[in-house]
Amino acid sequence: MKIIVLMLLLCLAPVFICAQTAAYEIEALLETKAVTYGQAAGIVLKASDVNVTANQAQAFQYASERNWLPKNVSADESARLDGIALLVMRSFDIKGGIMYSFVKNPHYAYRELVYQDIIQGRIDPAMAVSGDDLLYIINRVFSQREEGNLP
């Protein structure tokens, strides 16, 4: 009987550790006043199931190589809202309007997410994005998909 309980605990231990790690990561993100492009790439790519990696540098590199981030940004640079909009549009494969389809730049990605009611409120595309804002945007994408408003 002791062996069965021990085996069960050993099998379930990784599940509990992973859940704790995710909870700590989200808690730290919520306390962040301005996320970096590296942090944002790591979180958004995990949420979209595009590239699941624990390393933010690898996630940033993956997104940067595919032009999912604005040009000439670094991983430790504070993320702007329009840059996050581009990352979200590209990683979640959200189809945009005519101008976004032709240009695919941060400005039109931002405008498309405002139009899709994912980015809400009185905001500026050049503002820094907090961890709370980033999680809210990701949550809105899932909500809009569930309602059938996004493909």
N, C-alpha and C. Protein backbone atom coordinates (compact mmCIF):
# COMPACT_ATOMS: atom_id res chain seq x y z
N MET A 1 0.82 -1.20 0.00
CA MET A 1 0.00 0.00 0.00
C MET A 1 0.86 1.26 0.00
N LYS A 2 1.95 1.24 0.80
CA LYS A 2 2.83 2.39 0.87
C LYS A 2 3.49 2.64 -0.48
N ILE A 3 3.80 1.60 -1.20
CA ILE A 3 4.44 1.72 -2.50
C ILE A 3 3.48 2.38 -3.49
N ILE A 4 2.23 2.01 -3.44
CA ILE A 4 1.23 2.58 -4.35
C ILE A 4 1.06 4.08 -4.07
N VAL A 5 0.99 4.45 -2.81
CA VAL A 5 0.85 5.86 -2.45
C VAL A 5 2.10 6.63 -2.88
N LEU A 6 3.26 6.07 -2.67
CA LEU A 6 4.51 6.71 -3.07
C LEU A 6 4.56 6.89 -4.58
N MET A 7 4.19 5.87 -5.32
CA MET A 7 4.18 5.95 -6.80
C MET A 7 3.19 7.01 -7.27
N LEU A 8 2.05 7.07 -6.65
CA LEU A 8 1.04 8.06 -7.00
C LEU A 8 1.57 9.48 -6.75
N LEU A 9 2.21 9.68 -5.62
CA LEU A 9 2.78 10.99 -5.31
C LEU A 9 3.89 11.36 -6.29
N LEU A 10 4.72 10.41 -6.67
CA LEU A 10 5.79 10.68 -7.62
C LEU A 10 5.24 11.01 -9.01
N CYS A 11 4.14 10.38 -9.36
CA CYS A 11 3.52 10.65 -10.66
C CYS A 11 2.83 12.02 -10.70
N LEU A 12 2.25 12.44 -9.60
CA LEU A 12 1.51 13.69 -9.57
C LEU A 12 2.37 14.90 -9.21
N ALA A 13 3.55 14.68 -8.69
CA ALA A 13 4.43 15.78 -8.29
C ALA A 13 4.73 16.75 -9.45
N PRO A 14 5.08 16.25 -10.65
CA PRO A 14 5.34 17.21 -11.74
C PRO A 14 4.14 18.07 -12.10
N VAL A 15 2.94 17.53 -11.97
CA VAL A 15 1.74 18.30 -12.27
C VAL A 15 1.60 19.46 -11.29
N PHE A 16 1.81 19.20 -10.02
CA PHE A 16 1.70 20.25 -9.02
C PHE A 16 2.80 21.29 -9.19
N ILE A 17 4.00 20.86 -9.52
CA ILE A 17 5.11 21.78 -9.71
C ILE A 17 4.86 22.68 -10.91
N CYS A 18 4.36 22.12 -12.01
CA CYS A 18 4.05 22.92 -13.20
C CYS A 18 2.95 23.94 -12.91
N ALA A 19 1.94 23.52 -12.17
CA ALA A 19 0.85 24.43 -11.83
C ALA A 19 1.35 25.58 -10.96
N GLN A 20 2.23 25.27 -10.02
CA GLN A 20 2.80 26.32 -9.17
C GLN A 20 3.66 27.27 -9.97
N THR A 21 4.44 26.75 -10.90
CA THR A 21 5.30 27.59 -11.73
C THR A 21 4.46 28.54 -12.56
N ALA A 22 3.39 28.05 -13.16
CA ALA A 22 2.51 28.91 -13.96
C ALA A 22 1.86 29.98 -13.10
N ALA A 23 1.45 29.60 -11.90
CA ALA A 23 0.82 30.56 -10.99
C ALA A 23 1.81 31.66 -10.59
N TYR A 24 3.05 31.28 -10.29
CA TYR A 24 4.06 32.28 -9.94
C TYR A 24 4.35 33.19 -11.12
N GLU A 25 4.41 32.62 -12.31
CA GLU A 25 4.68 33.40 -13.51
C GLU A 25 3.58 34.43 -13.75
N ILE A 26 2.33 34.02 -13.60
CA ILE A 26 1.21 34.94 -13.80
C ILE A 26 1.18 36.00 -12.70
N GLU A 27 1.46 35.60 -11.48
CA GLU A 27 1.50 36.56 -10.38
C GLU A 27 2.59 37.61 -10.60
N ALA A 28 3.75 37.18 -11.05
CA ALA A 28 4.83 38.13 -11.32
C ALA A 28 4.46 39.05 -12.48
N LEU A 29 3.78 38.50 -13.47
CA LEU A 29 3.37 39.30 -14.61
C LEU A 29 2.35 40.37 -14.20
N LEU A 30 1.43 40.02 -13.32
CA LEU A 30 0.42 40.97 -12.86
C LEU A 30 1.04 42.13 -12.09
N GLU A 31 2.18 41.91 -11.48
CA GLU A 31 2.85 42.96 -10.72
C GLU A 31 3.75 43.83 -11.59
N THR A 32 3.92 43.46 -12.86
CA THR A 32 4.80 44.18 -13.76
C THR A 32 4.10 45.42 -14.31
N LYS A 33 4.73 46.57 -14.14
CA LYS A 33 4.15 47.84 -14.61
C LYS A 33 4.31 48.01 -16.12
N ALA A 34 5.41 47.51 -16.67
CA ALA A 34 5.66 47.62 -18.12
C ALA A 34 6.39 46.35 -18.57
N VAL A 35 5.71 45.51 -19.34
CA VAL A 35 6.33 44.27 -19.81
C VAL A 35 7.32 44.59 -20.92
N THR A 36 8.29 43.73 -21.08
CA THR A 36 9.24 43.85 -22.17
C THR A 36 8.73 43.03 -23.36
N TYR A 37 9.33 43.25 -24.51
CA TYR A 37 8.95 42.45 -25.68
C TYR A 37 9.29 40.98 -25.47
N GLY A 38 10.34 40.69 -24.73
CA GLY A 38 10.69 39.31 -24.43
C GLY A 38 9.64 38.63 -23.57
N GLN A 39 9.19 39.32 -22.52
CA GLN A 39 8.14 38.77 -21.66
C GLN A 39 6.85 38.59 -22.45
N ALA A 40 6.49 39.59 -23.24
CA ALA A 40 5.26 39.53 -24.01
C ALA A 40 5.29 38.38 -25.02
N ALA A 41 6.42 38.21 -25.69
CA ALA A 41 6.53 37.12 -26.65
C ALA A 41 6.37 35.78 -25.96
N GLY A 42 7.00 35.62 -24.81
CA GLY A 42 6.87 34.36 -24.07
C GLY A 42 5.44 34.05 -23.69
N ILE A 43 4.73 35.03 -23.16
CA ILE A 43 3.35 34.82 -22.70
C ILE A 43 2.40 34.63 -23.89
N VAL A 44 2.49 35.49 -24.89
CA VAL A 44 1.55 35.42 -26.02
C VAL A 44 1.76 34.14 -26.82
N LEU A 45 2.99 33.73 -27.02
CA LEU A 45 3.23 32.50 -27.78
C LEU A 45 2.76 31.28 -27.01
N LYS A 46 2.89 31.30 -25.69
CA LYS A 46 2.35 30.19 -24.89
C LYS A 46 0.83 30.16 -24.98
N ALA A 47 0.21 31.32 -24.88
CA ALA A 47 -1.25 31.39 -24.91
C ALA A 47 -1.81 30.94 -26.27
N SER A 48 -1.09 31.25 -27.33
CA SER A 48 -1.58 30.90 -28.66
C SER A 48 -1.15 29.50 -29.10
N ASP A 49 -0.41 28.80 -28.27
CA ASP A 49 0.09 27.45 -28.57
C ASP A 49 0.95 27.40 -29.83
N VAL A 50 1.60 28.50 -30.15
CA VAL A 50 2.47 28.53 -31.32
C VAL A 50 3.83 27.93 -30.99
N ASN A 51 4.44 28.41 -29.93
CA ASN A 51 5.78 27.96 -29.56
C ASN A 51 5.86 27.94 -28.05
N VAL A 52 5.75 26.78 -27.48
CA VAL A 52 5.77 26.68 -26.02
C VAL A 52 7.22 26.47 -25.59
N THR A 53 7.79 27.50 -25.01
CA THR A 53 9.13 27.43 -24.48
C THR A 53 9.19 28.25 -23.20
N ALA A 54 9.94 27.80 -22.27
CA ALA A 54 10.07 28.52 -21.00
C ALA A 54 11.04 29.68 -21.12
N ASN A 55 11.82 29.69 -22.17
CA ASN A 55 12.85 30.70 -22.35
C ASN A 55 12.30 31.89 -23.12
N GLN A 56 12.28 33.06 -22.49
CA GLN A 56 11.76 34.26 -23.13
C GLN A 56 12.61 34.69 -24.32
N ALA A 57 13.92 34.47 -24.23
CA ALA A 57 14.81 34.85 -25.33
C ALA A 57 14.49 34.04 -26.59
N GLN A 58 14.22 32.75 -26.42
CA GLN A 58 13.86 31.93 -27.57
C GLN A 58 12.51 32.34 -28.15
N ALA A 59 11.56 32.66 -27.29
CA ALA A 59 10.24 33.10 -27.75
C ALA A 59 10.37 34.43 -28.51
N PHE A 60 11.19 35.34 -27.99
CA PHE A 60 11.40 36.61 -28.68
C PHE A 60 12.05 36.39 -30.04
N GLN A 61 13.05 35.52 -30.08
CA GLN A 61 13.73 35.24 -31.34
C GLN A 61 12.77 34.61 -32.35
N TYR A 62 11.94 33.68 -31.90
CA TYR A 62 10.96 33.02 -32.76
C TYR A 62 10.01 34.06 -33.37
N ALA A 63 9.48 34.94 -32.53
CA ALA A 63 8.54 35.96 -33.01
C ALA A 63 9.24 36.98 -33.91
N SER A 64 10.45 37.34 -33.55
CA SER A 64 11.19 38.33 -34.33
C SER A 64 11.54 37.80 -35.72
N GLU A 65 11.94 36.54 -35.81
CA GLU A 65 12.30 35.94 -37.11
C GLU A 65 11.10 35.88 -38.06
N ARG A 66 9.90 35.82 -37.52
CA ARG A 66 8.70 35.73 -38.34
C ARG A 66 8.03 37.08 -38.55
N ASN A 67 8.71 38.15 -38.15
CA ASN A 67 8.21 39.52 -38.27
C ASN A 67 6.89 39.72 -37.52
N TRP A 68 6.77 39.10 -36.36
CA TRP A 68 5.59 39.25 -35.53
C TRP A 68 5.77 40.38 -34.53
N LEU A 69 6.92 40.99 -34.54
CA LEU A 69 7.23 42.12 -33.66
C LEU A 69 7.65 43.30 -34.51
N PRO A 70 7.52 44.51 -33.98
CA PRO A 70 7.98 45.68 -34.74
C PRO A 70 9.47 45.58 -35.05
N LYS A 71 9.87 46.22 -36.10
CA LYS A 71 11.28 46.20 -36.50
C LYS A 71 12.13 46.95 -35.48
N ASN A 72 13.34 46.49 -35.31
CA ASN A 72 14.35 47.14 -34.47
C ASN A 72 13.97 47.26 -33.00
N VAL A 73 13.31 46.26 -32.45
CA VAL A 73 13.06 46.24 -31.01
C VAL A 73 13.93 45.16 -30.40
N SER A 74 14.24 45.34 -29.12
CA SER A 74 15.04 44.34 -28.42
C SER A 74 14.17 43.64 -27.38
N ALA A 75 14.63 42.52 -26.92
CA ALA A 75 13.86 41.71 -25.96
C ALA A 75 13.67 42.42 -24.63
N ASP A 76 14.62 43.27 -24.23
CA ASP A 76 14.51 43.93 -22.93
C ASP A 76 13.90 45.33 -23.02
N GLU A 77 13.43 45.70 -24.19
CA GLU A 77 12.79 47.00 -24.40
C GLU A 77 11.33 46.95 -23.92
N SER A 78 10.87 48.03 -23.32
CA SER A 78 9.49 48.11 -22.85
C SER A 78 8.53 48.03 -24.04
N ALA A 79 7.55 47.16 -23.95
CA ALA A 79 6.64 46.90 -25.07
C ALA A 79 5.58 47.99 -25.18
N ARG A 80 5.36 48.43 -26.42
CA ARG A 80 4.29 49.38 -26.72
C ARG A 80 3.02 48.63 -27.10
N LEU A 81 1.89 49.28 -26.93
CA LEU A 81 0.62 48.64 -27.21
C LEU A 81 0.47 48.25 -28.68
N ASP A 82 0.92 49.08 -29.59
CA ASP A 82 0.79 48.72 -31.00
C ASP A 82 1.70 47.54 -31.36
N GLY A 83 2.85 47.43 -30.72
CA GLY A 83 3.73 46.27 -30.94
C GLY A 83 3.12 44.99 -30.39
N ILE A 84 2.46 45.08 -29.25
CA ILE A 84 1.77 43.93 -28.68
C ILE A 84 0.61 43.53 -29.59
N ALA A 85 -0.08 44.52 -30.15
CA ALA A 85 -1.19 44.23 -31.06
C ALA A 85 -0.70 43.43 -32.27
N LEU A 86 0.44 43.80 -32.82
CA LEU A 86 0.99 43.06 -33.95
C LEU A 86 1.33 41.63 -33.55
N LEU A 87 1.95 41.47 -32.39
CA LEU A 87 2.30 40.13 -31.91
C LEU A 87 1.05 39.28 -31.71
N VAL A 88 0.01 39.85 -31.14
CA VAL A 88 -1.24 39.11 -30.91
C VAL A 88 -1.90 38.74 -32.23
N MET A 89 -1.98 39.69 -33.15
CA MET A 89 -2.61 39.43 -34.45
C MET A 89 -1.90 38.29 -35.18
N ARG A 90 -0.57 38.34 -35.19
CA ARG A 90 0.18 37.34 -35.95
C ARG A 90 0.21 35.99 -35.25
N SER A 91 0.39 35.96 -33.95
CA SER A 91 0.51 34.67 -33.25
C SER A 91 -0.83 33.95 -33.14
N PHE A 92 -1.92 34.68 -33.00
CA PHE A 92 -3.24 34.06 -32.95
C PHE A 92 -3.86 33.91 -34.35
N ASP A 93 -3.13 34.36 -35.37
CA ASP A 93 -3.57 34.28 -36.77
C ASP A 93 -4.94 34.93 -36.95
N ILE A 94 -5.06 36.14 -36.46
CA ILE A 94 -6.30 36.90 -36.60
C ILE A 94 -6.26 37.62 -37.94
N LYS A 95 -7.28 37.40 -38.72
CA LYS A 95 -7.37 38.06 -40.02
C LYS A 95 -7.84 39.48 -39.80
N GLY A 96 -7.24 40.40 -40.50
CA GLY A 96 -7.59 41.80 -40.33
C GLY A 96 -8.34 42.35 -41.53
N GLY A 97 -8.55 43.64 -41.51
CA GLY A 97 -9.21 44.33 -42.61
C GLY A 97 -8.28 44.51 -43.79
N ILE A 98 -8.71 45.32 -44.73
CA ILE A 98 -7.96 45.51 -45.98
C ILE A 98 -6.59 46.12 -45.72
N MET A 99 -6.52 47.19 -44.94
CA MET A 99 -5.23 47.84 -44.71
C MET A 99 -4.27 46.94 -43.94
N TYR A 100 -4.75 46.23 -42.93
CA TYR A 100 -3.86 45.33 -42.20
C TYR A 100 -3.39 44.20 -43.11
N SER A 101 -4.26 43.70 -43.95
CA SER A 101 -3.90 42.60 -44.85
C SER A 101 -2.78 43.01 -45.81
N PHE A 102 -2.79 44.27 -46.24
CA PHE A 102 -1.75 44.74 -47.16
C PHE A 102 -0.46 45.11 -46.44
N VAL A 103 -0.57 45.81 -45.33
CA VAL A 103 0.61 46.39 -44.70
C VAL A 103 1.16 45.54 -43.57
N LYS A 104 0.31 44.99 -42.71
CA LYS A 104 0.68 44.17 -41.55
C LYS A 104 1.73 44.85 -40.68
N ASN A 105 1.43 46.08 -40.29
CA ASN A 105 2.34 46.79 -39.40
C ASN A 105 1.66 47.03 -38.06
N PRO A 106 2.39 47.48 -37.04
CA PRO A 106 1.81 47.66 -35.71
C PRO A 106 0.62 48.63 -35.67
N HIS A 107 0.68 49.68 -36.47
CA HIS A 107 -0.39 50.67 -36.46
C HIS A 107 -1.73 50.05 -36.85
N TYR A 108 -1.75 49.32 -37.94
CA TYR A 108 -3.01 48.72 -38.39
C TYR A 108 -3.40 47.50 -37.55
N ALA A 109 -2.44 46.83 -36.94
CA ALA A 109 -2.77 45.75 -36.02
C ALA A 109 -3.49 46.33 -34.80
N TYR A 110 -2.99 47.44 -34.29
CA TYR A 110 -3.63 48.13 -33.17
C TYR A 110 -5.05 48.54 -33.54
N ARG A 111 -5.21 49.16 -34.69
CA ARG A 111 -6.53 49.62 -35.12
C ARG A 111 -7.49 48.45 -35.30
N GLU A 112 -6.99 47.34 -35.80
CA GLU A 112 -7.84 46.16 -35.99
C GLU A 112 -8.30 45.58 -34.66
N LEU A 113 -7.41 45.52 -33.68
CA LEU A 113 -7.80 45.00 -32.37
C LEU A 113 -8.76 45.93 -31.65
N VAL A 114 -8.66 47.22 -31.88
CA VAL A 114 -9.65 48.16 -31.34
C VAL A 114 -10.99 47.91 -32.01
N TYR A 115 -10.97 47.75 -33.33
CA TYR A 115 -12.21 47.48 -34.07
C TYR A 115 -12.85 46.16 -33.65
N GLN A 116 -12.03 45.15 -33.39
CA GLN A 116 -12.53 43.84 -32.98
C GLN A 116 -12.96 43.83 -31.51
N ASP A 117 -12.81 44.96 -30.81
CA ASP A 117 -13.20 45.12 -29.41
C ASP A 117 -12.33 44.27 -28.47
N ILE A 118 -11.11 44.04 -28.88
CA ILE A 118 -10.16 43.32 -28.03
C ILE A 118 -9.40 44.33 -27.16
N ILE A 119 -8.97 45.42 -27.76
CA ILE A 119 -8.37 46.52 -27.01
C ILE A 119 -9.50 47.51 -26.76
N GLN A 120 -9.70 47.85 -25.50
CA GLN A 120 -10.84 48.70 -25.14
C GLN A 120 -10.40 49.89 -24.30
N GLY A 121 -11.23 50.90 -24.29
CA GLY A 121 -11.02 52.05 -23.43
C GLY A 121 -10.25 53.16 -24.11
N ARG A 122 -9.93 54.17 -23.32
CA ARG A 122 -9.16 55.31 -23.81
C ARG A 122 -7.69 54.97 -23.69
N ILE A 123 -7.08 54.68 -24.78
CA ILE A 123 -5.70 54.21 -24.77
C ILE A 123 -4.91 54.84 -25.90
N ASP A 124 -3.61 54.73 -25.80
CA ASP A 124 -2.70 55.29 -26.78
C ASP A 124 -1.85 54.14 -27.34
N PRO A 125 -1.68 54.06 -28.66
CA PRO A 125 -0.88 52.97 -29.22
C PRO A 125 0.58 52.99 -28.79
N ALA A 126 1.07 54.13 -28.34
CA ALA A 126 2.47 54.24 -27.91
C ALA A 126 2.66 53.99 -26.43
N MET A 127 1.58 53.70 -25.70
CA MET A 127 1.71 53.52 -24.26
C MET A 127 2.38 52.19 -23.92
N ALA A 128 3.04 52.17 -22.78
CA ALA A 128 3.65 50.93 -22.30
C ALA A 128 2.54 50.00 -21.80
N VAL A 129 2.75 48.70 -21.98
CA VAL A 129 1.75 47.71 -21.61
C VAL A 129 2.14 47.06 -20.30
N SER A 130 1.22 47.07 -19.34
CA SER A 130 1.48 46.41 -18.06
C SER A 130 1.16 44.92 -18.20
N GLY A 131 1.56 44.16 -17.23
CA GLY A 131 1.26 42.73 -17.24
C GLY A 131 -0.23 42.47 -17.18
N ASP A 132 -0.92 43.28 -16.40
CA ASP A 132 -2.38 43.17 -16.30
C ASP A 132 -3.03 43.43 -17.65
N ASP A 133 -2.56 44.47 -18.36
CA ASP A 133 -3.10 44.80 -19.68
C ASP A 133 -2.86 43.67 -20.67
N LEU A 134 -1.68 43.08 -20.63
CA LEU A 134 -1.36 41.99 -21.55
C LEU A 134 -2.27 40.79 -21.33
N LEU A 135 -2.47 40.42 -20.07
CA LEU A 135 -3.36 39.29 -19.78
C LEU A 135 -4.80 39.62 -20.17
N TYR A 136 -5.21 40.87 -20.01
CA TYR A 136 -6.55 41.28 -20.40
C TYR A 136 -6.74 41.14 -21.91
N ILE A 137 -5.76 41.55 -22.69
CA ILE A 137 -5.84 41.45 -24.14
C ILE A 137 -5.94 39.99 -24.57
N ILE A 138 -5.11 39.14 -23.98
CA ILE A 138 -5.15 37.71 -24.32
C ILE A 138 -6.51 37.12 -23.95
N ASN A 139 -7.03 37.51 -22.79
CA ASN A 139 -8.34 37.04 -22.37
C ASN A 139 -9.44 37.48 -23.34
N ARG A 140 -9.35 38.71 -23.83
CA ARG A 140 -10.33 39.22 -24.80
C ARG A 140 -10.27 38.44 -26.12
N VAL A 141 -9.07 38.04 -26.54
CA VAL A 141 -8.95 37.23 -27.76
C VAL A 141 -9.69 35.91 -27.58
N PHE A 142 -9.46 35.26 -26.44
CA PHE A 142 -10.16 33.99 -26.18
C PHE A 142 -11.67 34.20 -26.10
N SER A 143 -12.07 35.28 -25.47
CA SER A 143 -13.50 35.58 -25.33
C SER A 143 -14.15 35.82 -26.69
N GLN A 144 -13.50 36.60 -27.54
CA GLN A 144 -14.04 36.89 -28.87
C GLN A 144 -14.08 35.63 -29.73
N ARG A 145 -13.09 34.77 -29.59
CA ARG A 145 -13.10 33.50 -30.34
C ARG A 145 -14.24 32.61 -29.87
N GLU A 146 -14.46 32.55 -28.57
CA GLU A 146 -15.52 31.73 -28.01
C GLU A 146 -16.89 32.23 -28.47
N GLU A 147 -17.05 33.54 -28.59
CA GLU A 147 -18.31 34.10 -29.04
C GLU A 147 -18.51 33.97 -30.55
N GLY A 148 -17.45 33.55 -31.26
CA GLY A 148 -17.55 33.37 -32.70
C GLY A 148 -17.26 34.64 -33.49
N ASN A 149 -16.70 35.66 -32.83
CA ASN A 149 -16.40 36.91 -33.52
C ASN A 149 -15.05 36.90 -34.22
N LEU A 150 -14.21 35.93 -33.91
CA LEU A 150 -12.90 35.78 -34.55
C LEU A 150 -12.82 34.39 -35.16
N PRO A 151 -12.09 34.27 -36.26
CA PRO A 151 -11.94 32.92 -36.85
C PRO A 151 -11.09 32.00 -36.01
